[in-house]
Amino acid sequence: MSHQIQHTSPLQKVARIVLGSFMVFAGLAHLTFQRHTFKAQVPEWLPVPKDFTVVSSGVVEIALGFAMIFYQRQRANTGLFLAVFFILVFPGNVAQYLGQKDAFGLDTDAKRLGRLFFQPILIFWALWSTGALKKLSLPAKQLRG
């Protein structure tokens, strides 16, 4: 089974590397100096320990970040996975807003609300920079061929 590399522009490449680097940094922050702060975003209703959630999401962020930078053969799929990850962590951002929890300098309702609108930008960034948007827009016949 051969995998065709999704070609992207130089601007997309730069955007992908920047986003991948951001993800690696955020993942390392989850595991180290921001670990406690990230716990503030874990919704109370989540049925797993907060520390497990923070650590596991940090590991996923590091893996996705490095994949964004280095894994060419599955570039578009990596973008899809990262977009799904951003969707899955969105309830944490909502919980931070609704619970009025201060973290990451988000110390007002306006700042926490503003962050909610940044999530769709991250999703688009992941999809666009990897060529996943183009892949998603191809007819099914072209994807099989």
N, C-alpha and C. Protein backbone atom coordinates (compact mmCIF):
# COMPACT_ATOMS: atom_id res chain seq x y z
N MET A 1 0.86 -1.18 0.00
CA MET A 1 0.00 0.00 0.00
C MET A 1 0.90 1.24 0.00
N SER A 2 0.79 2.04 -1.01
CA SER A 2 1.62 3.23 -1.08
C SER A 2 0.86 4.44 -0.57
N HIS A 3 1.58 5.32 0.05
CA HIS A 3 1.00 6.56 0.56
C HIS A 3 1.56 7.71 -0.24
N GLN A 4 0.68 8.47 -0.83
CA GLN A 4 1.12 9.62 -1.60
C GLN A 4 1.30 10.81 -0.66
N ILE A 5 2.44 11.46 -0.76
CA ILE A 5 2.71 12.62 0.07
C ILE A 5 1.86 13.78 -0.43
N GLN A 6 1.16 14.43 0.49
CA GLN A 6 0.36 15.61 0.16
C GLN A 6 1.30 16.80 0.07
N HIS A 7 1.46 17.34 -1.13
CA HIS A 7 2.37 18.46 -1.32
C HIS A 7 1.73 19.75 -0.83
N THR A 8 2.54 20.59 -0.22
CA THR A 8 2.07 21.86 0.32
C THR A 8 3.01 22.97 -0.14
N SER A 9 2.55 24.19 0.00
CA SER A 9 3.34 25.35 -0.39
C SER A 9 4.41 25.67 0.66
N PRO A 10 5.38 26.50 0.31
CA PRO A 10 6.37 26.93 1.32
C PRO A 10 5.71 27.61 2.53
N LEU A 11 4.68 28.40 2.30
CA LEU A 11 3.98 29.06 3.41
C LEU A 11 3.30 28.02 4.31
N GLN A 12 2.69 27.01 3.70
CA GLN A 12 2.07 25.95 4.50
C GLN A 12 3.13 25.21 5.30
N LYS A 13 4.29 24.99 4.70
CA LYS A 13 5.38 24.29 5.40
C LYS A 13 5.81 25.08 6.63
N VAL A 14 6.00 26.38 6.47
CA VAL A 14 6.38 27.22 7.61
C VAL A 14 5.29 27.17 8.68
N ALA A 15 4.04 27.30 8.27
CA ALA A 15 2.92 27.27 9.21
C ALA A 15 2.86 25.92 9.94
N ARG A 16 3.11 24.85 9.22
CA ARG A 16 3.09 23.50 9.81
C ARG A 16 4.20 23.35 10.83
N ILE A 17 5.40 23.83 10.50
CA ILE A 17 6.53 23.73 11.42
C ILE A 17 6.30 24.58 12.67
N VAL A 18 5.74 25.77 12.48
CA VAL A 18 5.43 26.64 13.63
C VAL A 18 4.40 25.95 14.52
N LEU A 19 3.33 25.42 13.93
CA LEU A 19 2.31 24.75 14.73
C LEU A 19 2.87 23.50 15.40
N GLY A 20 3.67 22.73 14.67
CA GLY A 20 4.29 21.55 15.26
C GLY A 20 5.20 21.90 16.43
N SER A 21 5.98 22.96 16.27
CA SER A 21 6.86 23.41 17.36
C SER A 21 6.05 23.86 18.56
N PHE A 22 4.97 24.58 18.29
CA PHE A 22 4.08 25.01 19.38
C PHE A 22 3.52 23.79 20.11
N MET A 23 3.14 22.76 19.38
CA MET A 23 2.58 21.56 20.01
C MET A 23 3.61 20.84 20.86
N VAL A 24 4.84 20.74 20.37
CA VAL A 24 5.90 20.10 21.16
C VAL A 24 6.13 20.90 22.45
N PHE A 25 6.20 22.22 22.32
CA PHE A 25 6.41 23.07 23.51
C PHE A 25 5.24 22.91 24.49
N ALA A 26 4.01 22.94 23.98
CA ALA A 26 2.84 22.80 24.85
C ALA A 26 2.85 21.44 25.53
N GLY A 27 3.21 20.40 24.79
CA GLY A 27 3.27 19.06 25.38
C GLY A 27 4.30 18.97 26.49
N LEU A 28 5.47 19.57 26.26
CA LEU A 28 6.50 19.58 27.30
C LEU A 28 6.02 20.38 28.51
N ALA A 29 5.29 21.46 28.25
CA ALA A 29 4.73 22.25 29.36
C ALA A 29 3.74 21.42 30.17
N HIS A 30 2.94 20.59 29.48
CA HIS A 30 2.00 19.71 30.17
C HIS A 30 2.73 18.78 31.15
N LEU A 31 3.91 18.34 30.73
CA LEU A 31 4.64 17.36 31.53
C LEU A 31 5.51 17.98 32.61
N THR A 32 5.76 19.29 32.52
CA THR A 32 6.72 19.90 33.44
C THR A 32 6.17 21.17 34.09
N PHE A 33 6.63 22.32 33.66
CA PHE A 33 6.43 23.57 34.39
C PHE A 33 5.00 24.11 34.39
N GLN A 34 4.12 23.66 33.50
CA GLN A 34 2.73 24.14 33.49
C GLN A 34 1.74 23.03 33.87
N ARG A 35 2.25 21.94 34.38
CA ARG A 35 1.40 20.78 34.67
C ARG A 35 0.22 21.13 35.57
N HIS A 36 0.50 21.84 36.63
CA HIS A 36 -0.57 22.21 37.57
C HIS A 36 -1.58 23.15 36.90
N THR A 37 -1.09 24.08 36.12
CA THR A 37 -1.95 25.06 35.46
C THR A 37 -2.89 24.37 34.46
N PHE A 38 -2.37 23.38 33.73
CA PHE A 38 -3.22 22.67 32.77
C PHE A 38 -4.35 21.90 33.46
N LYS A 39 -4.14 21.51 34.70
CA LYS A 39 -5.20 20.80 35.43
C LYS A 39 -6.44 21.67 35.58
N ALA A 40 -6.27 22.99 35.58
CA ALA A 40 -7.41 23.91 35.72
C ALA A 40 -8.37 23.78 34.54
N GLN A 41 -7.89 23.28 33.44
CA GLN A 41 -8.73 23.17 32.25
C GLN A 41 -9.45 21.83 32.14
N VAL A 42 -9.09 20.88 32.96
CA VAL A 42 -9.72 19.57 32.88
C VAL A 42 -11.12 19.66 33.50
N PRO A 43 -12.15 19.35 32.71
CA PRO A 43 -13.52 19.44 33.25
C PRO A 43 -13.73 18.50 34.43
N GLU A 44 -14.52 18.95 35.39
CA GLU A 44 -14.79 18.16 36.59
C GLU A 44 -15.51 16.85 36.24
N TRP A 45 -16.29 16.85 35.18
CA TRP A 45 -17.08 15.68 34.82
C TRP A 45 -16.28 14.58 34.15
N LEU A 46 -15.03 14.86 33.78
CA LEU A 46 -14.22 13.85 33.12
C LEU A 46 -13.91 12.73 34.11
N PRO A 47 -14.20 11.47 33.75
CA PRO A 47 -14.10 10.37 34.73
C PRO A 47 -12.71 9.77 34.91
N VAL A 48 -11.67 10.53 34.61
CA VAL A 48 -10.30 10.06 34.83
C VAL A 48 -9.57 11.12 35.65
N PRO A 49 -8.51 10.71 36.35
CA PRO A 49 -7.77 11.70 37.16
C PRO A 49 -7.23 12.85 36.30
N LYS A 50 -7.26 14.03 36.87
CA LYS A 50 -6.81 15.22 36.14
C LYS A 50 -5.34 15.10 35.72
N ASP A 51 -4.51 14.57 36.60
CA ASP A 51 -3.10 14.47 36.26
C ASP A 51 -2.89 13.53 35.07
N PHE A 52 -3.63 12.42 35.04
CA PHE A 52 -3.53 11.50 33.90
C PHE A 52 -3.94 12.20 32.62
N THR A 53 -5.00 12.98 32.68
CA THR A 53 -5.48 13.71 31.51
C THR A 53 -4.42 14.68 31.00
N VAL A 54 -3.81 15.41 31.92
CA VAL A 54 -2.79 16.40 31.54
C VAL A 54 -1.56 15.71 30.96
N VAL A 55 -1.09 14.68 31.62
CA VAL A 55 0.11 13.98 31.14
C VAL A 55 -0.15 13.31 29.80
N SER A 56 -1.27 12.60 29.67
CA SER A 56 -1.53 11.89 28.41
C SER A 56 -1.75 12.87 27.26
N SER A 57 -2.43 13.98 27.53
CA SER A 57 -2.61 14.96 26.45
C SER A 57 -1.27 15.60 26.08
N GLY A 58 -0.38 15.76 27.06
CA GLY A 58 0.95 16.29 26.76
C GLY A 58 1.74 15.35 25.86
N VAL A 59 1.66 14.06 26.14
CA VAL A 59 2.36 13.06 25.31
C VAL A 59 1.80 13.09 23.89
N VAL A 60 0.48 13.17 23.77
CA VAL A 60 -0.16 13.23 22.44
C VAL A 60 0.28 14.50 21.71
N GLU A 61 0.33 15.62 22.42
CA GLU A 61 0.77 16.87 21.79
C GLU A 61 2.20 16.79 21.27
N ILE A 62 3.08 16.19 22.05
CA ILE A 62 4.47 16.04 21.61
C ILE A 62 4.53 15.16 20.36
N ALA A 63 3.82 14.04 20.39
CA ALA A 63 3.82 13.13 19.24
C ALA A 63 3.26 13.81 17.99
N LEU A 64 2.14 14.49 18.14
CA LEU A 64 1.54 15.18 16.99
C LEU A 64 2.43 16.33 16.51
N GLY A 65 3.06 17.03 17.44
CA GLY A 65 3.95 18.11 17.06
C GLY A 65 5.13 17.63 16.23
N PHE A 66 5.77 16.56 16.68
CA PHE A 66 6.88 16.01 15.90
C PHE A 66 6.39 15.45 14.57
N ALA A 67 5.22 14.84 14.57
CA ALA A 67 4.66 14.32 13.31
C ALA A 67 4.39 15.47 12.33
N MET A 68 3.90 16.59 12.84
CA MET A 68 3.65 17.75 11.98
C MET A 68 4.94 18.22 11.32
N ILE A 69 6.03 18.14 12.04
CA ILE A 69 7.30 18.64 11.52
C ILE A 69 8.00 17.61 10.62
N PHE A 70 7.98 16.34 11.01
CA PHE A 70 8.85 15.37 10.35
C PHE A 70 8.18 14.26 9.54
N TYR A 71 6.92 13.97 9.77
CA TYR A 71 6.30 12.78 9.17
C TYR A 71 5.60 13.14 7.86
N GLN A 72 6.34 13.17 6.79
CA GLN A 72 5.82 13.59 5.49
C GLN A 72 4.80 12.62 4.89
N ARG A 73 5.03 11.34 5.04
CA ARG A 73 4.18 10.35 4.36
C ARG A 73 2.73 10.39 4.81
N GLN A 74 2.48 10.84 5.98
CA GLN A 74 1.11 10.92 6.50
C GLN A 74 0.75 12.34 6.90
N ARG A 75 1.29 13.29 6.18
CA ARG A 75 1.13 14.71 6.53
C ARG A 75 -0.34 15.10 6.67
N ALA A 76 -1.15 14.80 5.67
CA ALA A 76 -2.56 15.20 5.72
C ALA A 76 -3.29 14.49 6.85
N ASN A 77 -2.99 13.21 7.05
CA ASN A 77 -3.63 12.49 8.15
C ASN A 77 -3.22 13.05 9.50
N THR A 78 -1.96 13.46 9.61
CA THR A 78 -1.51 14.09 10.85
C THR A 78 -2.31 15.36 11.11
N GLY A 79 -2.54 16.15 10.07
CA GLY A 79 -3.36 17.36 10.22
C GLY A 79 -4.78 17.03 10.66
N LEU A 80 -5.33 15.96 10.11
CA LEU A 80 -6.68 15.52 10.53
C LEU A 80 -6.68 15.11 12.00
N PHE A 81 -5.67 14.32 12.40
CA PHE A 81 -5.59 13.90 13.80
C PHE A 81 -5.43 15.09 14.74
N LEU A 82 -4.61 16.05 14.34
CA LEU A 82 -4.42 17.23 15.19
C LEU A 82 -5.72 18.04 15.29
N ALA A 83 -6.44 18.17 14.18
CA ALA A 83 -7.72 18.88 14.21
C ALA A 83 -8.70 18.18 15.15
N VAL A 84 -8.75 16.87 15.09
CA VAL A 84 -9.63 16.10 15.99
C VAL A 84 -9.18 16.30 17.44
N PHE A 85 -7.87 16.30 17.67
CA PHE A 85 -7.37 16.54 19.03
C PHE A 85 -7.84 17.90 19.54
N PHE A 86 -7.73 18.94 18.70
CA PHE A 86 -8.18 20.27 19.09
C PHE A 86 -9.68 20.26 19.42
N ILE A 87 -10.45 19.48 18.71
CA ILE A 87 -11.88 19.37 18.99
C ILE A 87 -12.11 18.66 20.32
N LEU A 88 -11.33 17.61 20.57
CA LEU A 88 -11.50 16.84 21.81
C LEU A 88 -11.11 17.62 23.06
N VAL A 89 -10.15 18.52 22.95
CA VAL A 89 -9.74 19.28 24.14
C VAL A 89 -10.58 20.55 24.32
N PHE A 90 -11.40 20.87 23.35
CA PHE A 90 -12.21 22.09 23.43
C PHE A 90 -13.11 22.13 24.67
N PRO A 91 -13.70 21.01 25.11
CA PRO A 91 -14.50 21.07 26.35
C PRO A 91 -13.70 21.58 27.55
N GLY A 92 -12.39 21.35 27.56
CA GLY A 92 -11.55 21.90 28.64
C GLY A 92 -11.53 23.41 28.61
N ASN A 93 -11.48 23.97 27.41
CA ASN A 93 -11.51 25.43 27.27
C ASN A 93 -12.86 25.98 27.70
N VAL A 94 -13.92 25.27 27.34
CA VAL A 94 -15.27 25.68 27.75
C VAL A 94 -15.40 25.58 29.26
N ALA A 95 -14.88 24.50 29.85
CA ALA A 95 -14.93 24.34 31.31
C ALA A 95 -14.18 25.45 32.02
N GLN A 96 -13.04 25.86 31.45
CA GLN A 96 -12.29 26.96 32.05
C GLN A 96 -13.11 28.24 32.02
N TYR A 97 -13.79 28.48 30.91
CA TYR A 97 -14.63 29.68 30.78
C TYR A 97 -15.82 29.62 31.74
N LEU A 98 -16.56 28.51 31.71
CA LEU A 98 -17.75 28.40 32.55
C LEU A 98 -17.42 28.38 34.04
N GLY A 99 -16.28 27.76 34.38
CA GLY A 99 -15.86 27.69 35.78
C GLY A 99 -15.11 28.91 36.24
N GLN A 100 -14.88 29.87 35.34
CA GLN A 100 -14.15 31.11 35.63
C GLN A 100 -12.80 30.82 36.30
N LYS A 101 -12.09 29.83 35.73
CA LYS A 101 -10.79 29.43 36.27
C LYS A 101 -9.68 30.23 35.59
N ASP A 102 -8.85 30.85 36.40
CA ASP A 102 -7.72 31.61 35.88
C ASP A 102 -6.57 30.66 35.55
N ALA A 103 -6.05 30.76 34.35
CA ALA A 103 -4.88 29.99 33.93
C ALA A 103 -4.34 30.61 32.65
N PHE A 104 -3.04 30.57 32.48
CA PHE A 104 -2.37 31.06 31.27
C PHE A 104 -2.64 32.53 31.00
N GLY A 105 -2.82 33.32 32.04
CA GLY A 105 -3.10 34.74 31.85
C GLY A 105 -4.54 35.02 31.46
N LEU A 106 -5.35 33.99 31.41
CA LEU A 106 -6.78 34.17 31.10
C LEU A 106 -7.50 34.39 32.42
N ASP A 107 -7.46 35.63 32.88
CA ASP A 107 -7.95 35.95 34.21
C ASP A 107 -9.24 36.77 34.20
N THR A 108 -9.87 36.88 33.04
CA THR A 108 -11.17 37.54 32.95
C THR A 108 -12.07 36.70 32.05
N ASP A 109 -13.37 36.89 32.22
CA ASP A 109 -14.31 36.17 31.36
C ASP A 109 -14.10 36.52 29.89
N ALA A 110 -13.79 37.78 29.61
CA ALA A 110 -13.58 38.21 28.23
C ALA A 110 -12.39 37.48 27.60
N LYS A 111 -11.31 37.34 28.35
CA LYS A 111 -10.13 36.64 27.83
C LYS A 111 -10.42 35.16 27.63
N ARG A 112 -11.13 34.55 28.60
CA ARG A 112 -11.46 33.13 28.47
C ARG A 112 -12.42 32.90 27.31
N LEU A 113 -13.35 33.80 27.10
CA LEU A 113 -14.28 33.70 25.98
C LEU A 113 -13.54 33.88 24.66
N GLY A 114 -12.63 34.82 24.61
CA GLY A 114 -11.85 35.05 23.40
C GLY A 114 -11.06 33.82 23.00
N ARG A 115 -10.57 33.10 23.98
CA ARG A 115 -9.80 31.88 23.69
C ARG A 115 -10.66 30.84 22.99
N LEU A 116 -11.94 30.79 23.32
CA LEU A 116 -12.82 29.82 22.68
C LEU A 116 -12.88 30.03 21.17
N PHE A 117 -12.77 31.27 20.75
CA PHE A 117 -12.83 31.58 19.32
C PHE A 117 -11.50 31.29 18.61
N PHE A 118 -10.45 31.07 19.38
CA PHE A 118 -9.16 30.74 18.80
C PHE A 118 -9.09 29.26 18.38
N GLN A 119 -9.89 28.42 19.02
CA GLN A 119 -9.85 26.98 18.72
C GLN A 119 -10.17 26.67 17.25
N PRO A 120 -11.20 27.28 16.66
CA PRO A 120 -11.43 27.02 15.22
C PRO A 120 -10.25 27.44 14.34
N ILE A 121 -9.53 28.47 14.77
CA ILE A 121 -8.35 28.90 14.01
C ILE A 121 -7.27 27.81 14.07
N LEU A 122 -7.08 27.20 15.24
CA LEU A 122 -6.12 26.11 15.37
C LEU A 122 -6.53 24.92 14.50
N ILE A 123 -7.80 24.62 14.49
CA ILE A 123 -8.30 23.50 13.68
C ILE A 123 -8.02 23.77 12.20
N PHE A 124 -8.37 24.97 11.75
CA PHE A 124 -8.11 25.33 10.35
C PHE A 124 -6.62 25.29 10.04
N TRP A 125 -5.81 25.82 10.95
CA TRP A 125 -4.36 25.84 10.78
C TRP A 125 -3.81 24.43 10.57
N ALA A 126 -4.26 23.49 11.41
CA ALA A 126 -3.80 22.11 11.29
C ALA A 126 -4.21 21.51 9.95
N LEU A 127 -5.43 21.75 9.53
CA LEU A 127 -5.93 21.19 8.27
C LEU A 127 -5.28 21.84 7.05
N TRP A 128 -5.16 23.16 7.08
CA TRP A 128 -4.61 23.88 5.93
C TRP A 128 -3.12 23.62 5.77
N SER A 129 -2.36 23.71 6.86
CA SER A 129 -0.90 23.62 6.76
C SER A 129 -0.41 22.24 6.33
N THR A 130 -1.22 21.22 6.51
CA THR A 130 -0.83 19.85 6.14
C THR A 130 -1.40 19.41 4.80
N GLY A 131 -2.22 20.24 4.20
CA GLY A 131 -2.87 19.84 2.95
C GLY A 131 -4.11 18.99 3.18
N ALA A 132 -4.51 18.82 4.44
CA ALA A 132 -5.67 17.99 4.73
C ALA A 132 -6.95 18.61 4.18
N LEU A 133 -7.04 19.94 4.16
CA LEU A 133 -8.23 20.58 3.59
C LEU A 133 -8.39 20.19 2.13
N LYS A 134 -7.30 20.21 1.40
CA LYS A 134 -7.33 19.84 -0.01
C LYS A 134 -7.72 18.37 -0.16
N LYS A 135 -7.15 17.52 0.69
CA LYS A 135 -7.46 16.10 0.65
C LYS A 135 -8.94 15.86 0.96
N LEU A 136 -9.48 16.58 1.92
CA LEU A 136 -10.89 16.43 2.28
C LEU A 136 -11.81 16.89 1.16
N SER A 137 -11.36 17.83 0.36
CA SER A 137 -12.22 18.37 -0.68
C SER A 137 -12.16 17.56 -1.98
N LEU A 138 -11.23 16.59 -2.08
CA LEU A 138 -11.14 15.76 -3.27
C LEU A 138 -12.32 14.80 -3.33
N PRO A 139 -12.84 14.57 -4.53
CA PRO A 139 -13.89 13.55 -4.66
C PRO A 139 -13.36 12.18 -4.22
N ALA A 140 -14.24 11.33 -3.73
CA ALA A 140 -13.85 10.02 -3.21
C ALA A 140 -13.11 9.19 -4.26
N LYS A 141 -13.46 9.31 -5.50
CA LYS A 141 -12.82 8.56 -6.58
C LYS A 141 -11.33 8.90 -6.65
N GLN A 142 -10.97 10.17 -6.49
CA GLN A 142 -9.57 10.58 -6.55
C GLN A 142 -8.80 10.06 -5.34
N LEU A 143 -9.47 9.96 -4.19
CA LEU A 143 -8.79 9.48 -2.99
C LEU A 143 -8.42 8.01 -3.12
N ARG A 144 -9.25 7.23 -3.80
CA ARG A 144 -8.98 5.80 -3.96
C ARG A 144 -7.89 5.54 -4.99
N GLY A 145 -7.75 6.41 -5.97
CA GLY A 145 -6.82 6.19 -7.07
C GLY A 145 -5.46 6.56 -6.73
